[in-house]
Amino acid sequence: MVNDAVIAHRGALLGRPGVIVVGGTGSMILAITEAGEQIESGRLEHYAGGARHLVFDAMQRILLGRAGDQDVWLVDAILDHWQVATIGELRRRMVDQGGLDRNEVKRKYGDLAPLITGAADRSPLAAAAVATLATRTADGVRLLAPLIGTDPVAVALVGSVATANAFVDRFAAAVAPESPSIRIVPAALDPLRGAALMAYEQIGWATAHFRSS
């Protein structure tokens, strides 16, 4: 039994040391060191956030009156998503979510994440929300990087938010000047194939055999 981030790490980096950033419905930053130790950023009291946290940020900015003229269309889309007509009604709708099933609430917020990442090049409010999440995520990677034992440190991004172009660009900028250096690499396999790879290893099939089949 392993955490699903371990499976994603195994697929993305094929057992090599490095860090995987999972950013989608859930969120996890997991490092596996040269010695094989598994360390997630929570061990350093850090948490970045996933799709719903990105949306929380954007919606809180709207409630705080930080939306400008270039954000009007995005605000309208968010109001439409929640089926309300005004920002005051949006605030009330958010409060009223407290009595509903928590998983359903998280899904309702998370469903808006593609709108926010897709708006980052046109809406300053969306850009700020994406940049905040990308910076928090980069902080988590930077906290873990010195523990890996390699230079550069390989970092793979997995999940709908973490692989969105707007997020990747801002994350790359946030980790660029660090030491040890951080190298963003494409995931070699998706998490499902990572699980299959681990299963093959459990029954004694060599990794090389799996890669060649």
N, C-alpha and C. Protein backbone atom coordinates (compact mmCIF):
# COMPACT_ATOMS: atom_id res chain seq x y z
N MET A 1 0.85 -1.18 0.00
CA MET A 1 0.00 0.00 0.00
C MET A 1 0.90 1.24 0.00
N VAL A 2 0.71 2.11 -0.99
CA VAL A 2 1.51 3.32 -1.05
C VAL A 2 0.60 4.51 -1.39
N ASN A 3 1.08 5.68 -1.07
CA ASN A 3 0.38 6.90 -1.45
C ASN A 3 0.32 7.02 -2.97
N ASP A 4 -0.76 7.59 -3.48
CA ASP A 4 -0.87 7.70 -4.93
C ASP A 4 0.22 8.60 -5.53
N ALA A 5 0.77 9.51 -4.72
CA ALA A 5 1.87 10.35 -5.22
C ALA A 5 3.12 9.50 -5.46
N VAL A 6 3.30 8.43 -4.69
CA VAL A 6 4.44 7.54 -4.90
C VAL A 6 4.30 6.84 -6.26
N ILE A 7 3.09 6.44 -6.57
CA ILE A 7 2.82 5.82 -7.87
C ILE A 7 3.10 6.80 -9.00
N ALA A 8 2.63 8.04 -8.82
CA ALA A 8 2.86 9.07 -9.83
C ALA A 8 4.35 9.34 -9.99
N HIS A 9 5.07 9.38 -8.88
CA HIS A 9 6.54 9.59 -8.91
C HIS A 9 7.22 8.47 -9.67
N ARG A 10 6.79 7.24 -9.39
CA ARG A 10 7.43 6.08 -10.02
C ARG A 10 7.24 6.12 -11.53
N GLY A 11 6.04 6.51 -11.96
CA GLY A 11 5.81 6.61 -13.39
C GLY A 11 6.55 7.76 -14.02
N ALA A 12 6.51 8.92 -13.37
CA ALA A 12 7.06 10.13 -13.96
C ALA A 12 8.58 10.08 -14.06
N LEU A 13 9.25 9.60 -13.01
CA LEU A 13 10.71 9.63 -12.97
C LEU A 13 11.35 8.25 -13.04
N LEU A 14 10.54 7.21 -13.21
CA LEU A 14 11.03 5.84 -13.43
C LEU A 14 12.02 5.39 -12.36
N GLY A 15 11.74 5.78 -11.12
CA GLY A 15 12.57 5.33 -10.01
C GLY A 15 13.78 6.19 -9.73
N ARG A 16 14.00 7.21 -10.54
CA ARG A 16 15.14 8.10 -10.29
C ARG A 16 14.81 9.08 -9.18
N PRO A 17 15.82 9.57 -8.45
CA PRO A 17 15.56 10.58 -7.42
C PRO A 17 15.06 11.87 -8.05
N GLY A 18 14.27 12.59 -7.30
CA GLY A 18 13.74 13.85 -7.79
C GLY A 18 12.44 14.18 -7.09
N VAL A 19 11.73 15.13 -7.62
CA VAL A 19 10.50 15.63 -7.00
C VAL A 19 9.37 15.55 -8.01
N ILE A 20 8.21 15.14 -7.53
CA ILE A 20 7.01 15.21 -8.36
C ILE A 20 6.03 16.18 -7.74
N VAL A 21 5.48 17.03 -8.58
CA VAL A 21 4.43 17.96 -8.17
C VAL A 21 3.12 17.44 -8.74
N VAL A 22 2.21 17.08 -7.86
CA VAL A 22 0.87 16.68 -8.27
C VAL A 22 -0.06 17.85 -7.99
N GLY A 23 -0.64 18.40 -9.03
CA GLY A 23 -1.55 19.53 -8.87
C GLY A 23 -2.77 19.36 -9.74
N GLY A 24 -3.85 18.95 -9.14
CA GLY A 24 -5.09 18.76 -9.87
C GLY A 24 -6.21 18.80 -8.86
N THR A 25 -7.04 17.77 -8.82
CA THR A 25 -8.09 17.69 -7.80
C THR A 25 -7.46 17.73 -6.42
N GLY A 26 -6.36 17.00 -6.26
CA GLY A 26 -5.59 17.03 -5.02
C GLY A 26 -4.24 17.69 -5.24
N SER A 27 -3.46 17.73 -4.19
CA SER A 27 -2.16 18.39 -4.27
C SER A 27 -1.15 17.65 -3.42
N MET A 28 0.03 17.44 -3.96
CA MET A 28 1.12 16.79 -3.22
C MET A 28 2.44 17.15 -3.88
N ILE A 29 3.44 17.43 -3.08
CA ILE A 29 4.80 17.59 -3.59
C ILE A 29 5.64 16.54 -2.87
N LEU A 30 6.12 15.57 -3.62
CA LEU A 30 6.82 14.42 -3.04
C LEU A 30 8.22 14.32 -3.60
N ALA A 31 9.18 14.19 -2.72
CA ALA A 31 10.57 13.97 -3.11
C ALA A 31 10.96 12.54 -2.78
N ILE A 32 11.75 11.94 -3.64
CA ILE A 32 12.43 10.69 -3.32
C ILE A 32 13.91 10.94 -3.51
N THR A 33 14.67 10.73 -2.45
CA THR A 33 16.08 11.08 -2.44
C THR A 33 16.93 9.99 -3.09
N GLU A 34 18.20 10.29 -3.25
CA GLU A 34 19.13 9.29 -3.80
C GLU A 34 19.16 8.03 -2.95
N ALA A 35 18.94 8.20 -1.64
CA ALA A 35 18.94 7.06 -0.73
C ALA A 35 17.60 6.34 -0.70
N GLY A 36 16.61 6.84 -1.45
CA GLY A 36 15.31 6.19 -1.50
C GLY A 36 14.31 6.68 -0.46
N GLU A 37 14.68 7.69 0.31
CA GLU A 37 13.76 8.22 1.32
C GLU A 37 12.65 9.02 0.65
N GLN A 38 11.43 8.80 1.09
CA GLN A 38 10.27 9.53 0.57
C GLN A 38 9.93 10.67 1.53
N ILE A 39 9.93 11.89 1.02
CA ILE A 39 9.67 13.06 1.86
C ILE A 39 8.69 13.97 1.12
N GLU A 40 7.53 14.23 1.72
CA GLU A 40 6.61 15.17 1.10
C GLU A 40 6.75 16.52 1.79
N SER A 41 6.33 17.55 1.09
CA SER A 41 6.61 18.91 1.59
C SER A 41 5.91 19.21 2.91
N GLY A 42 4.86 18.45 3.22
CA GLY A 42 4.20 18.63 4.51
C GLY A 42 5.11 18.35 5.69
N ARG A 43 6.14 17.53 5.48
CA ARG A 43 7.11 17.26 6.55
C ARG A 43 7.87 18.53 6.92
N LEU A 44 7.87 19.49 6.02
CA LEU A 44 8.48 20.79 6.29
C LEU A 44 7.40 21.85 6.52
N GLU A 45 6.22 21.38 6.92
CA GLU A 45 5.07 22.24 7.24
C GLU A 45 4.68 23.13 6.06
N HIS A 46 4.70 22.54 4.86
CA HIS A 46 4.35 23.28 3.65
C HIS A 46 3.20 22.59 2.93
N TYR A 47 2.30 23.41 2.39
CA TYR A 47 1.24 22.89 1.53
C TYR A 47 0.96 23.94 0.46
N ALA A 48 0.91 23.50 -0.80
CA ALA A 48 0.70 24.45 -1.89
C ALA A 48 -0.78 24.59 -2.22
N GLY A 49 -1.41 23.51 -2.65
CA GLY A 49 -2.82 23.55 -3.00
C GLY A 49 -3.06 23.04 -4.40
N GLY A 50 -4.31 22.67 -4.65
CA GLY A 50 -4.69 22.14 -5.95
C GLY A 50 -5.73 23.02 -6.63
N ALA A 51 -6.58 22.39 -7.42
CA ALA A 51 -7.53 23.13 -8.25
C ALA A 51 -8.44 24.02 -7.42
N ARG A 52 -9.02 23.47 -6.37
CA ARG A 52 -9.97 24.28 -5.61
C ARG A 52 -9.29 25.45 -4.91
N HIS A 53 -8.04 25.27 -4.49
CA HIS A 53 -7.33 26.36 -3.81
C HIS A 53 -7.04 27.51 -4.77
N LEU A 54 -6.75 27.17 -6.03
CA LEU A 54 -6.58 28.19 -7.04
C LEU A 54 -7.86 29.01 -7.19
N VAL A 55 -8.99 28.31 -7.19
CA VAL A 55 -10.28 28.98 -7.34
C VAL A 55 -10.62 29.78 -6.09
N PHE A 56 -10.32 29.23 -4.90
CA PHE A 56 -10.54 30.00 -3.67
C PHE A 56 -9.84 31.35 -3.77
N ASP A 57 -8.58 31.32 -4.21
CA ASP A 57 -7.78 32.54 -4.31
C ASP A 57 -8.45 33.55 -5.24
N ALA A 58 -8.82 33.09 -6.43
CA ALA A 58 -9.44 33.99 -7.41
C ALA A 58 -10.75 34.56 -6.88
N MET A 59 -11.56 33.73 -6.26
CA MET A 59 -12.86 34.21 -5.78
C MET A 59 -12.71 35.15 -4.60
N GLN A 60 -11.74 34.89 -3.74
CA GLN A 60 -11.51 35.81 -2.63
C GLN A 60 -11.05 37.17 -3.13
N ARG A 61 -10.24 37.18 -4.20
CA ARG A 61 -9.83 38.46 -4.79
C ARG A 61 -11.04 39.24 -5.30
N ILE A 62 -11.99 38.52 -5.88
CA ILE A 62 -13.22 39.17 -6.35
C ILE A 62 -14.00 39.75 -5.18
N LEU A 63 -14.15 38.98 -4.11
CA LEU A 63 -14.89 39.46 -2.95
C LEU A 63 -14.21 40.64 -2.28
N LEU A 64 -12.89 40.71 -2.39
CA LEU A 64 -12.13 41.82 -1.81
C LEU A 64 -12.10 43.06 -2.70
N GLY A 65 -12.77 42.97 -3.85
CA GLY A 65 -12.85 44.14 -4.72
C GLY A 65 -11.62 44.38 -5.56
N ARG A 66 -10.85 43.32 -5.83
CA ARG A 66 -9.60 43.48 -6.57
C ARG A 66 -9.74 43.22 -8.07
N ALA A 67 -10.95 42.99 -8.54
CA ALA A 67 -11.16 42.78 -9.98
C ALA A 67 -11.18 44.12 -10.69
N GLY A 68 -10.45 44.21 -11.81
CA GLY A 68 -10.40 45.43 -12.59
C GLY A 68 -11.19 45.30 -13.88
N ASP A 69 -11.04 46.30 -14.74
CA ASP A 69 -11.79 46.32 -15.99
C ASP A 69 -11.50 45.10 -16.86
N GLN A 70 -10.24 44.62 -16.84
CA GLN A 70 -9.88 43.48 -17.68
C GLN A 70 -10.37 42.15 -17.11
N ASP A 71 -10.91 42.21 -15.91
CA ASP A 71 -11.39 40.99 -15.25
C ASP A 71 -12.90 40.83 -15.32
N VAL A 72 -13.59 41.80 -15.91
CA VAL A 72 -15.06 41.79 -15.86
C VAL A 72 -15.63 40.51 -16.46
N TRP A 73 -15.10 40.10 -17.60
CA TRP A 73 -15.63 38.89 -18.25
C TRP A 73 -15.41 37.65 -17.39
N LEU A 74 -14.27 37.61 -16.67
CA LEU A 74 -14.00 36.47 -15.80
C LEU A 74 -14.95 36.47 -14.61
N VAL A 75 -15.17 37.62 -14.02
CA VAL A 75 -16.13 37.73 -12.92
C VAL A 75 -17.51 37.26 -13.37
N ASP A 76 -17.92 37.69 -14.56
CA ASP A 76 -19.23 37.27 -15.08
C ASP A 76 -19.31 35.76 -15.24
N ALA A 77 -18.22 35.15 -15.72
CA ALA A 77 -18.20 33.69 -15.90
C ALA A 77 -18.30 32.98 -14.55
N ILE A 78 -17.64 33.51 -13.54
CA ILE A 78 -17.69 32.90 -12.21
C ILE A 78 -19.09 33.06 -11.60
N LEU A 79 -19.68 34.23 -11.77
CA LEU A 79 -21.05 34.43 -11.28
C LEU A 79 -22.00 33.46 -11.97
N ASP A 80 -21.80 33.27 -13.26
CA ASP A 80 -22.66 32.35 -14.01
C ASP A 80 -22.48 30.91 -13.50
N HIS A 81 -21.25 30.53 -13.20
CA HIS A 81 -20.99 29.18 -12.68
C HIS A 81 -21.77 28.92 -11.40
N TRP A 82 -21.85 29.94 -10.55
CA TRP A 82 -22.54 29.80 -9.27
C TRP A 82 -24.02 30.20 -9.36
N GLN A 83 -24.44 30.57 -10.54
CA GLN A 83 -25.85 30.93 -10.79
C GLN A 83 -26.31 32.05 -9.85
N VAL A 84 -25.48 33.09 -9.78
CA VAL A 84 -25.83 34.29 -9.02
C VAL A 84 -25.62 35.50 -9.93
N ALA A 85 -26.19 36.63 -9.52
CA ALA A 85 -26.15 37.82 -10.38
C ALA A 85 -25.18 38.88 -9.90
N THR A 86 -24.83 38.87 -8.63
CA THR A 86 -23.98 39.92 -8.07
C THR A 86 -22.89 39.32 -7.18
N ILE A 87 -21.89 40.14 -6.90
CA ILE A 87 -20.81 39.69 -6.02
C ILE A 87 -21.34 39.47 -4.61
N GLY A 88 -22.30 40.28 -4.19
CA GLY A 88 -22.92 40.07 -2.88
C GLY A 88 -23.59 38.71 -2.79
N GLU A 89 -24.28 38.31 -3.85
CA GLU A 89 -24.90 36.98 -3.88
C GLU A 89 -23.85 35.87 -3.91
N LEU A 90 -22.73 36.14 -4.58
CA LEU A 90 -21.64 35.16 -4.60
C LEU A 90 -21.10 34.93 -3.20
N ARG A 91 -20.92 35.99 -2.45
CA ARG A 91 -20.44 35.85 -1.08
C ARG A 91 -21.39 34.99 -0.26
N ARG A 92 -22.68 35.24 -0.41
CA ARG A 92 -23.68 34.47 0.33
C ARG A 92 -23.67 33.01 -0.11
N ARG A 93 -23.52 32.77 -1.43
CA ARG A 93 -23.49 31.41 -1.93
C ARG A 93 -22.31 30.63 -1.35
N MET A 94 -21.17 31.30 -1.25
CA MET A 94 -19.99 30.64 -0.67
C MET A 94 -20.24 30.28 0.79
N VAL A 95 -20.83 31.18 1.54
CA VAL A 95 -21.14 30.90 2.94
C VAL A 95 -22.08 29.70 3.05
N ASP A 96 -23.07 29.65 2.18
CA ASP A 96 -24.08 28.60 2.25
C ASP A 96 -23.54 27.22 1.86
N GLN A 97 -22.36 27.17 1.25
CA GLN A 97 -21.77 25.88 0.90
C GLN A 97 -21.38 25.08 2.14
N GLY A 98 -21.27 25.76 3.28
CA GLY A 98 -20.81 25.10 4.50
C GLY A 98 -21.70 23.96 4.96
N GLY A 99 -22.97 23.98 4.59
CA GLY A 99 -23.87 22.93 5.02
C GLY A 99 -24.01 21.78 4.04
N LEU A 100 -23.24 21.80 2.96
CA LEU A 100 -23.35 20.78 1.92
C LEU A 100 -22.26 19.73 2.06
N ASP A 101 -22.40 18.65 1.30
CA ASP A 101 -21.38 17.59 1.29
C ASP A 101 -20.04 18.17 0.87
N ARG A 102 -19.02 17.92 1.68
CA ARG A 102 -17.73 18.57 1.45
C ARG A 102 -17.12 18.16 0.13
N ASN A 103 -17.23 16.91 -0.26
CA ASN A 103 -16.66 16.47 -1.53
C ASN A 103 -17.36 17.13 -2.72
N GLU A 104 -18.66 17.31 -2.61
CA GLU A 104 -19.41 17.98 -3.67
C GLU A 104 -18.99 19.45 -3.77
N VAL A 105 -18.77 20.07 -2.63
CA VAL A 105 -18.32 21.47 -2.61
C VAL A 105 -16.95 21.60 -3.26
N LYS A 106 -16.04 20.70 -2.91
CA LYS A 106 -14.70 20.74 -3.50
C LYS A 106 -14.75 20.56 -5.00
N ARG A 107 -15.64 19.68 -5.47
CA ARG A 107 -15.78 19.48 -6.91
C ARG A 107 -16.31 20.73 -7.58
N LYS A 108 -17.27 21.37 -6.94
CA LYS A 108 -17.88 22.57 -7.52
C LYS A 108 -16.83 23.67 -7.69
N TYR A 109 -15.98 23.85 -6.69
CA TYR A 109 -14.90 24.83 -6.82
C TYR A 109 -13.87 24.36 -7.86
N GLY A 110 -13.47 23.12 -7.76
CA GLY A 110 -12.43 22.61 -8.65
C GLY A 110 -12.80 22.69 -10.12
N ASP A 111 -14.08 22.59 -10.41
CA ASP A 111 -14.53 22.66 -11.80
C ASP A 111 -14.19 24.00 -12.46
N LEU A 112 -13.95 25.02 -11.66
CA LEU A 112 -13.64 26.34 -12.19
C LEU A 112 -12.15 26.53 -12.50
N ALA A 113 -11.31 25.61 -12.06
CA ALA A 113 -9.86 25.78 -12.22
C ALA A 113 -9.44 25.97 -13.68
N PRO A 114 -9.96 25.19 -14.64
CA PRO A 114 -9.55 25.42 -16.03
C PRO A 114 -9.89 26.82 -16.53
N LEU A 115 -10.98 27.39 -16.03
CA LEU A 115 -11.32 28.76 -16.40
C LEU A 115 -10.25 29.73 -15.91
N ILE A 116 -9.76 29.53 -14.69
CA ILE A 116 -8.76 30.44 -14.12
C ILE A 116 -7.42 30.30 -14.83
N THR A 117 -6.95 29.08 -15.04
CA THR A 117 -5.66 28.92 -15.73
C THR A 117 -5.76 29.39 -17.17
N GLY A 118 -6.90 29.16 -17.81
CA GLY A 118 -7.07 29.59 -19.19
C GLY A 118 -7.18 31.09 -19.33
N ALA A 119 -7.54 31.78 -18.24
CA ALA A 119 -7.71 33.23 -18.27
C ALA A 119 -6.45 33.99 -17.91
N ALA A 120 -5.40 33.30 -17.51
CA ALA A 120 -4.23 33.97 -16.94
C ALA A 120 -3.55 34.95 -17.89
N ASP A 121 -3.67 34.74 -19.19
CA ASP A 121 -3.04 35.66 -20.14
C ASP A 121 -3.92 36.86 -20.49
N ARG A 122 -5.18 36.84 -20.03
CA ARG A 122 -6.09 37.94 -20.35
C ARG A 122 -6.61 38.67 -19.13
N SER A 123 -6.59 38.03 -18.00
CA SER A 123 -7.15 38.60 -16.77
C SER A 123 -6.05 38.77 -15.73
N PRO A 124 -5.75 40.00 -15.30
CA PRO A 124 -4.75 40.19 -14.25
C PRO A 124 -5.12 39.46 -12.96
N LEU A 125 -6.42 39.38 -12.65
CA LEU A 125 -6.83 38.68 -11.43
C LEU A 125 -6.50 37.20 -11.52
N ALA A 126 -6.81 36.57 -12.66
CA ALA A 126 -6.49 35.16 -12.84
C ALA A 126 -4.97 34.95 -12.84
N ALA A 127 -4.24 35.84 -13.48
CA ALA A 127 -2.78 35.74 -13.51
C ALA A 127 -2.20 35.78 -12.11
N ALA A 128 -2.74 36.65 -11.27
CA ALA A 128 -2.25 36.77 -9.90
C ALA A 128 -2.54 35.51 -9.10
N ALA A 129 -3.72 34.93 -9.30
CA ALA A 129 -4.07 33.70 -8.58
C ALA A 129 -3.18 32.54 -9.00
N VAL A 130 -2.94 32.42 -10.30
CA VAL A 130 -2.07 31.34 -10.80
C VAL A 130 -0.64 31.56 -10.30
N ALA A 131 -0.16 32.79 -10.34
CA ALA A 131 1.20 33.08 -9.88
C ALA A 131 1.38 32.76 -8.41
N THR A 132 0.36 33.04 -7.61
CA THR A 132 0.44 32.74 -6.17
C THR A 132 0.57 31.24 -5.94
N LEU A 133 -0.27 30.46 -6.63
CA LEU A 133 -0.19 29.01 -6.47
C LEU A 133 1.14 28.47 -7.00
N ALA A 134 1.60 28.98 -8.14
CA ALA A 134 2.87 28.53 -8.71
C ALA A 134 4.03 28.85 -7.78
N THR A 135 4.00 30.02 -7.16
CA THR A 135 5.07 30.40 -6.24
C THR A 135 5.06 29.54 -4.99
N ARG A 136 3.87 29.28 -4.44
CA ARG A 136 3.79 28.40 -3.27
C ARG A 136 4.30 27.01 -3.61
N THR A 137 3.96 26.53 -4.80
CA THR A 137 4.42 25.21 -5.23
C THR A 137 5.94 25.21 -5.39
N ALA A 138 6.47 26.25 -6.01
CA ALA A 138 7.92 26.36 -6.18
C ALA A 138 8.62 26.39 -4.82
N ASP A 139 8.02 27.05 -3.85
CA ASP A 139 8.61 27.08 -2.51
C ASP A 139 8.71 25.67 -1.94
N GLY A 140 7.67 24.86 -2.15
CA GLY A 140 7.71 23.49 -1.66
C GLY A 140 8.81 22.68 -2.30
N VAL A 141 8.99 22.84 -3.61
CA VAL A 141 10.07 22.14 -4.31
C VAL A 141 11.42 22.63 -3.82
N ARG A 142 11.56 23.92 -3.63
CA ARG A 142 12.84 24.48 -3.17
C ARG A 142 13.18 24.02 -1.75
N LEU A 143 12.15 23.82 -0.92
CA LEU A 143 12.39 23.31 0.43
C LEU A 143 12.95 21.88 0.39
N LEU A 144 12.47 21.10 -0.56
CA LEU A 144 12.87 19.69 -0.65
C LEU A 144 14.16 19.47 -1.44
N ALA A 145 14.45 20.35 -2.39
CA ALA A 145 15.54 20.11 -3.34
C ALA A 145 16.88 19.80 -2.69
N PRO A 146 17.29 20.51 -1.62
CA PRO A 146 18.60 20.20 -1.02
C PRO A 146 18.70 18.81 -0.40
N LEU A 147 17.56 18.16 -0.19
CA LEU A 147 17.56 16.83 0.41
C LEU A 147 17.73 15.71 -0.61
N ILE A 148 17.60 16.03 -1.89
CA ILE A 148 17.57 14.98 -2.92
C ILE A 148 18.93 14.32 -3.10
N GLY A 149 20.00 15.12 -3.12
CA GLY A 149 21.34 14.56 -3.30
C GLY A 149 21.82 14.60 -4.73
N THR A 150 21.11 15.27 -5.62
CA THR A 150 21.54 15.41 -7.01
C THR A 150 21.55 16.89 -7.39
N ASP A 151 22.33 17.21 -8.41
CA ASP A 151 22.31 18.56 -8.96
C ASP A 151 22.55 18.43 -10.47
N PRO A 152 21.57 18.70 -11.30
CA PRO A 152 20.28 19.30 -10.95
C PRO A 152 19.31 18.32 -10.32
N VAL A 153 18.25 18.87 -9.75
CA VAL A 153 17.15 18.08 -9.20
C VAL A 153 16.06 17.99 -10.26
N ALA A 154 15.69 16.77 -10.64
CA ALA A 154 14.63 16.58 -11.62
C ALA A 154 13.27 16.80 -10.97
N VAL A 155 12.42 17.57 -11.63
CA VAL A 155 11.08 17.84 -11.14
C VAL A 155 10.09 17.56 -12.26
N ALA A 156 9.11 16.71 -11.98
CA ALA A 156 8.06 16.41 -12.96
C ALA A 156 6.73 16.96 -12.45
N LEU A 157 5.93 17.46 -13.37
CA LEU A 157 4.63 18.05 -13.05
C LEU A 157 3.52 17.15 -13.57
N VAL A 158 2.56 16.84 -12.70
CA VAL A 158 1.46 15.94 -13.06
C VAL A 158 0.16 16.55 -12.57
N GLY A 159 -0.89 16.44 -13.37
CA GLY A 159 -2.20 16.93 -12.96
C GLY A 159 -2.65 18.09 -13.82
N SER A 160 -3.95 18.31 -13.86
CA SER A 160 -4.52 19.29 -14.78
C SER A 160 -4.07 20.71 -14.49
N VAL A 161 -3.89 21.07 -13.22
CA VAL A 161 -3.42 22.41 -12.88
C VAL A 161 -1.92 22.52 -13.10
N ALA A 162 -1.17 21.55 -12.59
CA ALA A 162 0.29 21.62 -12.65
C ALA A 162 0.82 21.60 -14.07
N THR A 163 0.08 21.03 -15.01
CA THR A 163 0.55 20.96 -16.40
C THR A 163 -0.07 22.03 -17.29
N ALA A 164 -0.93 22.88 -16.74
CA ALA A 164 -1.49 23.99 -17.52
C ALA A 164 -0.37 24.96 -17.89
N ASN A 165 -0.37 25.44 -19.11
CA ASN A 165 0.73 26.30 -19.58
C ASN A 165 0.95 27.50 -18.69
N ALA A 166 -0.12 28.12 -18.24
CA ALA A 166 0.00 29.32 -17.41
C ALA A 166 0.71 29.00 -16.09
N PHE A 167 0.41 27.82 -15.53
CA PHE A 167 1.07 27.41 -14.29
C PHE A 167 2.53 27.06 -14.54
N VAL A 168 2.80 26.28 -15.57
CA VAL A 168 4.17 25.82 -15.86
C VAL A 168 5.10 27.02 -16.05
N ASP A 169 4.66 28.01 -16.81
CA ASP A 169 5.51 29.17 -17.07
C ASP A 169 5.86 29.90 -15.78
N ARG A 170 4.89 30.09 -14.92
CA ARG A 170 5.13 30.82 -13.67
C ARG A 170 5.92 29.98 -12.67
N PHE A 171 5.67 28.68 -12.65
CA PHE A 171 6.44 27.80 -11.78
C PHE A 171 7.91 27.78 -12.20
N ALA A 172 8.15 27.67 -13.49
CA ALA A 172 9.53 27.65 -14.00
C ALA A 172 10.27 28.92 -13.63
N ALA A 173 9.61 30.05 -13.72
CA ALA A 173 10.24 31.32 -13.36
C ALA A 173 10.55 31.38 -11.87
N ALA A 174 9.69 30.79 -11.05
CA ALA A 174 9.86 30.85 -9.60
C ALA A 174 10.99 29.95 -9.10
N VAL A 175 11.28 28.85 -9.79
CA VAL A 175 12.33 27.94 -9.32
C VAL A 175 13.67 28.16 -10.02
N ALA A 176 13.69 28.99 -11.05
CA ALA A 176 14.88 29.12 -11.90
C ALA A 176 16.17 29.48 -11.18
N PRO A 177 16.18 30.43 -10.24
CA PRO A 177 17.48 30.87 -9.71
C PRO A 177 18.03 30.07 -8.55
N GLU A 178 17.47 28.93 -8.27
CA GLU A 178 17.83 28.22 -7.03
C GLU A 178 19.07 27.33 -7.19
N SER A 179 19.65 26.98 -6.03
CA SER A 179 20.75 26.04 -5.97
C SER A 179 20.43 25.03 -4.87
N PRO A 180 20.47 23.70 -5.10
CA PRO A 180 20.85 23.09 -6.37
C PRO A 180 19.86 23.47 -7.48
N SER A 181 20.35 23.42 -8.71
CA SER A 181 19.51 23.80 -9.83
C SER A 181 18.37 22.80 -9.99
N ILE A 182 17.28 23.30 -10.53
CA ILE A 182 16.08 22.49 -10.70
C ILE A 182 15.79 22.37 -12.19
N ARG A 183 15.58 21.16 -12.63
CA ARG A 183 15.32 20.90 -14.05
C ARG A 183 13.94 20.27 -14.20
N ILE A 184 13.05 20.97 -14.85
CA ILE A 184 11.70 20.44 -15.10
C ILE A 184 11.79 19.44 -16.24
N VAL A 185 11.29 18.24 -15.97
CA VAL A 185 11.36 17.17 -16.98
C VAL A 185 9.95 16.65 -17.26
N PRO A 186 9.69 16.18 -18.47
CA PRO A 186 8.37 15.59 -18.75
C PRO A 186 8.21 14.26 -18.02
N ALA A 187 7.00 13.99 -17.61
CA ALA A 187 6.72 12.70 -16.97
C ALA A 187 6.90 11.58 -17.99
N ALA A 188 7.71 10.57 -17.63
CA ALA A 188 7.96 9.46 -18.56
C ALA A 188 6.71 8.61 -18.76
N LEU A 189 5.98 8.36 -17.67
CA LEU A 189 4.75 7.56 -17.71
C LEU A 189 3.71 8.24 -16.85
N ASP A 190 2.44 7.99 -17.14
CA ASP A 190 1.39 8.53 -16.28
C ASP A 190 1.28 7.67 -15.02
N PRO A 191 0.53 8.14 -14.00
CA PRO A 191 0.44 7.39 -12.74
C PRO A 191 -0.06 5.96 -12.89
N LEU A 192 -1.01 5.72 -13.79
CA LEU A 192 -1.52 4.36 -13.98
C LEU A 192 -0.39 3.43 -14.42
N ARG A 193 0.42 3.88 -15.35
CA ARG A 193 1.54 3.05 -15.80
C ARG A 193 2.62 2.97 -14.71
N GLY A 194 2.71 4.00 -13.88
CA GLY A 194 3.61 3.90 -12.73
C GLY A 194 3.20 2.79 -11.80
N ALA A 195 1.89 2.65 -11.58
CA ALA A 195 1.38 1.56 -10.74
C ALA A 195 1.68 0.21 -11.37
N ALA A 196 1.50 0.13 -12.69
CA ALA A 196 1.79 -1.13 -13.39
C ALA A 196 3.26 -1.49 -13.27
N LEU A 197 4.13 -0.48 -13.39
CA LEU A 197 5.56 -0.71 -13.27
C LEU A 197 5.91 -1.26 -11.89
N MET A 198 5.32 -0.66 -10.85
CA MET A 198 5.58 -1.15 -9.49
C MET A 198 5.06 -2.57 -9.31
N ALA A 199 3.92 -2.87 -9.92
CA ALA A 199 3.36 -4.23 -9.82
C ALA A 199 4.27 -5.25 -10.50
N TYR A 200 4.78 -4.90 -11.68
CA TYR A 200 5.71 -5.79 -12.37
C TYR A 200 6.95 -6.04 -11.52
N GLU A 201 7.44 -5.00 -10.87
CA GLU A 201 8.63 -5.17 -10.03
C GLU A 201 8.33 -6.06 -8.83
N GLN A 202 7.10 -5.96 -8.30
CA GLN A 202 6.73 -6.79 -7.15
C GLN A 202 6.77 -8.28 -7.48
N ILE A 203 6.48 -8.63 -8.73
CA ILE A 203 6.49 -10.04 -9.10
C ILE A 203 7.81 -10.46 -9.74
N GLY A 204 8.79 -9.55 -9.68
CA GLY A 204 10.13 -9.91 -10.09
C GLY A 204 10.48 -9.63 -11.53
N TRP A 205 9.62 -8.95 -12.25
CA TRP A 205 9.96 -8.57 -13.62
C TRP A 205 10.88 -7.37 -13.58
N ALA A 206 11.93 -7.41 -14.33
CA ALA A 206 12.90 -6.32 -14.38
C ALA A 206 12.29 -5.10 -15.05
N THR A 207 12.73 -3.94 -14.62
CA THR A 207 12.27 -2.68 -15.21
C THR A 207 12.57 -2.67 -16.71
N ALA A 208 13.74 -3.15 -17.08
CA ALA A 208 14.12 -3.14 -18.49
C ALA A 208 13.15 -3.95 -19.34
N HIS A 209 12.68 -5.07 -18.77
CA HIS A 209 11.71 -5.91 -19.48
C HIS A 209 10.43 -5.14 -19.72
N PHE A 210 9.97 -4.44 -18.67
CA PHE A 210 8.72 -3.69 -18.79
C PHE A 210 8.86 -2.58 -19.84
N ARG A 211 9.98 -1.86 -19.84
CA ARG A 211 10.17 -0.76 -20.76
C ARG A 211 10.18 -1.25 -22.20
N SER A 212 10.70 -2.47 -22.39
CA SER A 212 10.86 -2.96 -23.77
C SER A 212 9.61 -3.64 -24.30
N SER A 213 8.64 -3.91 -23.41
CA SER A 213 7.44 -4.64 -23.84
C SER A 213 6.38 -3.72 -24.35
